[in-house]
């Protein structure tokens, strides 16, 4: 996930608010549950997109054990190391449980009513003095993994009416959402790989073995990838690093960071030259000729010069892809976090289109979940309806690129952000130029964080309001069921009711919201309990198949609703109901592509890329012994030839310098990275003072985003180009 905050504005508008819930009264989700008995409970893991089914052995209010749920029809007993850390999160002594108010460098616990009043008073004052946009909002990655937060964010954001909205989407999958909006008419109408029936899986910049999917909900992905090979198919990985997925793939090709678009153009042109185009006749396509004309000049030889992949290999891959019985082109985070991220995602779709693999079994298809997040009654999204105040960066789906956040706080003038509300996020470690954002947050008039930790970001808050443990409330995976490689559903009951002195996430948003609305003279509709919201969504869904919360509760292991089915042709939401193969922003960006990628400046420096680990989840899974034990993972990887050329040695301390910063880190010589590329993990840097993350501080590492440049962006979407960062590496003095 890095999935990050999907725009909850889409599904919430489907809810029928016919049953109200008084937020002042504690709610016991799932009925009356015994607190002092030994029992077994089932629940999906909410820590990543794979949503693996888990079996909990509970001894009263204690978790005795966690294992994979063998009866889950989707995950089939699979479990990764993160799942067992749910116990560590639930019991973590560093996890906050009551409101904390900061005074200087000290913190004191206060009551919930006092906290709600303080937050409402401060926010209302700043809105009344400086306008709605003076309050900024940032939602981090975990918010999409928690239905209460997901719905609460939307509810609260409508009350704020601010255009200063940001999320982790713009350091992740924004190019994918924007491509779907421009081509298919809805930002969440994202074709998902039919991994269980494909014969050829081309993965660009993805590492599903470590991520457990990502924009593709796919538990037990290693077994599924091996099954492709077992039935005679191929898994081909394109990545500047020989990742964990590349290690088990049929073949792996190094590629220079940021050049995926050139590879894809050349592959499409090879297939065109072979007269191999076979688009799906059921799809309503338009402007395909215009798209092909715009990229026709990129030959395998031209692509080889910039990608580092041989022209003969490009030709062979293109032909194998085109001739496979079924094939998938899948571009993930490495294909997003680059200066040509939206172009790359557009070309992924074009490759699937011209080979007839869009909307077919074994290719990519739109999902048909019980509760859809696209289609009638949802919001398709929009792009460039307004722009950021300082740099004029375009909004997407109502959010501005997070690379603009610091400057919007630091630059005086009308619309300057003077207060921030953050939820479930740590942008100081996860967004570009973290040191600049660190300074910006310290300058705010008021900062409110809804978070369970005092981390590198929330240490700047004047008030932290922590939601209760995720295991204390019901959950339904609204987003990840909609991105599944099969159509599945599961309703999770709370393992226990929340403690009396803690609050659910949606209670916190509602508690502040009611008081803020009263001060501003605005209306706010109370949120019902989560089971009523899910029930309302199911009742209004054309795809619910008669399911209800009650029926889902009767199947605690989840239900399998079958494989993906071709349905995209009837679900296009563009104005003319046709797939636009040549959106104007993509064609307009070809001039920059021709100038900056096909004709690069000579003597390019080293390029920095990130990496992730199955025991990590961005910046927030480093405070649990089960996940940080073992060999340190925060070193810099460099190819042995580059190490020798610079007179360096493996194991020594080196300095990495970018345009905006310098950090020191231990070097590891490794042939797993491409020559000319260095690789550093994302999400570390737990050495700031004022946090309450004792174990993470012992494994502090360095922050990738103390090097990443807020000025390097994908020009179309404004997504941060965190990968391919130009750097110099020298011996530390």
Foldseek 3Di string as FASTA:
>chain_A
DLQKFDQLQFQLLLFDPPDFDDLVDFDQWPPDDAQAAWDKAKAFDLQALQRFIWIFTDHRPATPFIFGDCPQPAQNGDDFLVRRCLRVVQPPPQFDFAKWFDDPLDIDGDAQLVQLLVVLVVLLVCCVVFNLLLEAEEEEGSQLSFVLSSVLVVQLCVLSVHLRYAYSCLQWPLLQLVLCCLFQNFSLQGWFFLLQFAQEEEEEADDCVQRVAHLANHHPVVVSQVVSVVVPGFYEYEELFCHPNVVPGPHYDYWFQQLLLLLLLQLVLLCVVVVLFDFAPLAFAPPLVVLNVLSNVRHLVLSCVQTVDHSVVSNVVSVCCLPTPEYEYHYTGSCQQAQANNSNSLSSVVSCRRSHQELDNNYIAFFQALFDSDDPSTDRWDKQPFADDPPRAMDTRSHYNCLCNLVLQVPDDRSRHQEYEYEPDDCLQRPAQSVSNLVSLLRHPAYEYADRWQASRNLSHSMYAYANRSLQAKGWSRSSCRSYQFNWTAIHTRPTHGDPRGRHSSSSSVSSSVSSCVSNVHDGDHDHGPLSRQQSSSVSGPRNVPDHSVNNVVVRSIDTPGGGHRDSNVRRNDPVSHGYSCRPVSSVCSVVCCVPRSDPDPPFAFWEDEDGGSLDDAAPNQLGCSSCDDDQDFAKEAAPVVCVVQVHDAQAWKWKAAPQAIDIGGYHHDNSGHHSYMYGHGHAQRCDPSTSRVRSNVSRHRRLNNHFHSVGANRRNRRHNSTRGGIDMHGDD
